[in-house]
């Protein structure tokens, strides 16, 4: 799992699949789920997209 630190110092985790030059597709979960809940959806996205989950 990767992390990014935003301007207020908050550290966010994310998962990233797919080619970096492809059109990004963002999956965001709500409480009480986790980024793992998107595993199947991310792998099933149309070819040519870059799935990212948070």
N, C-alpha and C. Protein backbone atom coordinates (compact mmCIF):
# COMPACT_ATOMS: atom_id res chain seq x y z
N UNK A 1 0.84 -1.17 0.00
CA UNK A 1 0.00 0.00 0.00
C UNK A 1 0.89 1.24 0.00
N UNK A 2 0.50 2.22 -0.77
CA UNK A 2 1.26 3.46 -0.88
C UNK A 2 0.62 4.55 -0.01
N UNK A 3 1.37 5.59 0.26
CA UNK A 3 0.89 6.70 1.08
C UNK A 3 1.22 8.03 0.41
N UNK A 4 0.39 9.02 0.67
CA UNK A 4 0.65 10.39 0.24
C UNK A 4 0.36 11.29 1.44
N UNK A 5 1.16 12.32 1.62
CA UNK A 5 0.94 13.29 2.69
C UNK A 5 0.38 14.56 2.06
N UNK A 6 -0.79 14.99 2.54
CA UNK A 6 -1.44 16.18 1.99
C UNK A 6 -1.00 17.43 2.74
N UNK A 7 -1.44 18.58 2.28
CA UNK A 7 -0.92 19.87 2.77
C UNK A 7 -1.05 20.09 4.28
N UNK A 8 -2.07 19.50 4.92
CA UNK A 8 -2.22 19.70 6.36
C UNK A 8 -1.46 18.66 7.19
N UNK A 9 -0.68 17.81 6.50
CA UNK A 9 0.12 16.81 7.18
C UNK A 9 -0.56 15.46 7.33
N UNK A 10 -1.83 15.35 6.93
CA UNK A 10 -2.54 14.08 7.01
C UNK A 10 -1.94 13.10 6.02
N UNK A 11 -1.73 11.87 6.47
CA UNK A 11 -1.17 10.82 5.63
C UNK A 11 -2.29 9.90 5.16
N UNK A 12 -2.47 9.78 3.85
CA UNK A 12 -3.53 8.96 3.27
C UNK A 12 -2.92 7.74 2.59
N UNK A 13 -3.56 6.59 2.77
CA UNK A 13 -3.10 5.38 2.09
C UNK A 13 -3.93 5.19 0.82
N UNK A 14 -3.34 4.51 -0.15
CA UNK A 14 -4.07 4.20 -1.38
C UNK A 14 -3.46 2.98 -2.05
N UNK A 15 -4.25 2.35 -2.92
CA UNK A 15 -3.78 1.24 -3.76
C UNK A 15 -3.82 1.73 -5.20
N UNK A 16 -2.89 1.25 -5.99
CA UNK A 16 -2.75 1.73 -7.36
C UNK A 16 -2.47 0.54 -8.27
N UNK A 17 -3.30 0.34 -9.28
CA UNK A 17 -3.09 -0.72 -10.27
C UNK A 17 -3.10 -0.09 -11.65
N UNK A 18 -2.56 -0.79 -12.59
CA UNK A 18 -2.67 -0.35 -13.97
C UNK A 18 -1.54 0.55 -14.44
N UNK A 19 -1.49 0.79 -15.73
CA UNK A 19 -0.44 1.63 -16.31
C UNK A 19 -0.59 3.09 -15.87
N UNK A 20 0.52 3.71 -15.55
CA UNK A 20 0.50 5.08 -15.04
C UNK A 20 0.08 6.11 -16.09
N UNK A 21 0.17 5.76 -17.37
CA UNK A 21 -0.20 6.70 -18.43
C UNK A 21 -1.65 6.53 -18.89
N UNK A 22 -2.40 5.64 -18.24
CA UNK A 22 -3.80 5.39 -18.61
C UNK A 22 -4.73 6.38 -17.90
N UNK A 23 -5.96 6.44 -18.37
CA UNK A 23 -6.99 7.28 -17.75
C UNK A 23 -7.25 6.78 -16.33
N UNK A 24 -7.08 7.62 -15.30
CA UNK A 24 -7.31 7.16 -13.93
C UNK A 24 -8.80 6.98 -13.63
N UNK A 25 -9.10 5.99 -12.80
CA UNK A 25 -10.44 5.75 -12.28
C UNK A 25 -10.28 5.66 -10.77
N UNK A 26 -10.98 6.51 -10.02
CA UNK A 26 -10.83 6.57 -8.57
C UNK A 26 -11.98 5.85 -7.89
N UNK A 27 -11.65 4.92 -6.99
CA UNK A 27 -12.63 4.23 -6.17
C UNK A 27 -12.45 4.73 -4.74
N UNK A 28 -13.52 5.22 -4.13
CA UNK A 28 -13.43 5.72 -2.75
C UNK A 28 -14.47 5.01 -1.91
N UNK A 29 -14.07 4.50 -0.76
CA UNK A 29 -15.00 3.79 0.11
C UNK A 29 -15.54 4.73 1.18
N UNK A 30 -16.66 4.37 1.74
CA UNK A 30 -17.23 5.10 2.87
C UNK A 30 -17.11 4.27 4.14
N UNK A 31 -17.38 4.88 5.25
CA UNK A 31 -17.30 4.19 6.53
C UNK A 31 -18.38 3.14 6.60
N UNK A 32 -18.18 1.96 7.05
CA UNK A 32 -17.04 1.37 7.73
C UNK A 32 -16.20 0.47 6.82
N UNK A 33 -16.24 0.68 5.53
CA UNK A 33 -15.50 -0.17 4.59
C UNK A 33 -14.03 0.22 4.55
N UNK A 34 -13.26 -0.54 3.76
CA UNK A 34 -11.84 -0.23 3.58
C UNK A 34 -11.50 -0.29 2.09
N UNK A 35 -10.32 0.15 1.75
CA UNK A 35 -9.89 0.13 0.36
C UNK A 35 -9.87 -1.29 -0.21
N UNK A 36 -9.74 -2.30 0.67
CA UNK A 36 -9.75 -3.70 0.23
C UNK A 36 -11.08 -4.10 -0.39
N UNK A 37 -12.15 -3.41 -0.04
CA UNK A 37 -13.46 -3.75 -0.60
C UNK A 37 -13.55 -3.51 -2.10
N UNK A 38 -12.60 -2.76 -2.66
CA UNK A 38 -12.60 -2.47 -4.09
C UNK A 38 -11.72 -3.42 -4.89
N UNK A 39 -11.07 -4.40 -4.25
CA UNK A 39 -10.12 -5.27 -4.95
C UNK A 39 -10.70 -5.88 -6.23
N UNK A 40 -11.89 -6.46 -6.16
CA UNK A 40 -12.47 -7.10 -7.35
C UNK A 40 -12.85 -6.08 -8.41
N UNK A 41 -13.40 -4.96 -8.02
CA UNK A 41 -13.80 -3.93 -8.99
C UNK A 41 -12.59 -3.36 -9.72
N UNK A 42 -11.50 -3.16 -9.01
CA UNK A 42 -10.31 -2.60 -9.63
C UNK A 42 -9.73 -3.53 -10.68
N UNK A 43 -9.74 -4.82 -10.39
CA UNK A 43 -9.17 -5.77 -11.34
C UNK A 43 -10.09 -6.00 -12.52
N UNK A 44 -11.36 -5.65 -12.39
CA UNK A 44 -12.34 -5.85 -13.46
C UNK A 44 -12.56 -4.61 -14.31
N UNK A 45 -11.84 -3.53 -14.06
CA UNK A 45 -12.05 -2.31 -14.84
C UNK A 45 -11.63 -2.52 -16.28
N UNK A 46 -12.21 -1.74 -17.13
CA UNK A 46 -11.93 -1.82 -18.56
C UNK A 46 -10.45 -1.57 -18.83
N UNK A 47 -9.90 -2.31 -19.78
CA UNK A 47 -8.50 -2.11 -20.17
C UNK A 47 -8.29 -0.67 -20.60
N UNK A 48 -7.12 -0.15 -20.29
CA UNK A 48 -6.81 1.21 -20.66
C UNK A 48 -7.07 2.20 -19.54
N UNK A 49 -7.55 1.70 -18.39
CA UNK A 49 -7.76 2.57 -17.23
C UNK A 49 -6.74 2.26 -16.15
N UNK A 50 -6.53 3.21 -15.29
CA UNK A 50 -5.58 3.09 -14.20
C UNK A 50 -6.34 3.17 -12.88
N UNK A 51 -6.78 2.02 -12.31
CA UNK A 51 -7.57 2.04 -11.09
C UNK A 51 -6.76 2.45 -9.86
N UNK A 52 -7.33 3.33 -9.04
CA UNK A 52 -6.72 3.80 -7.80
C UNK A 52 -7.83 3.75 -6.74
N UNK A 53 -7.52 3.20 -5.57
CA UNK A 53 -8.53 3.17 -4.51
C UNK A 53 -8.03 3.90 -3.28
N UNK A 54 -8.95 4.51 -2.60
CA UNK A 54 -8.65 5.22 -1.35
C UNK A 54 -9.71 4.86 -0.36
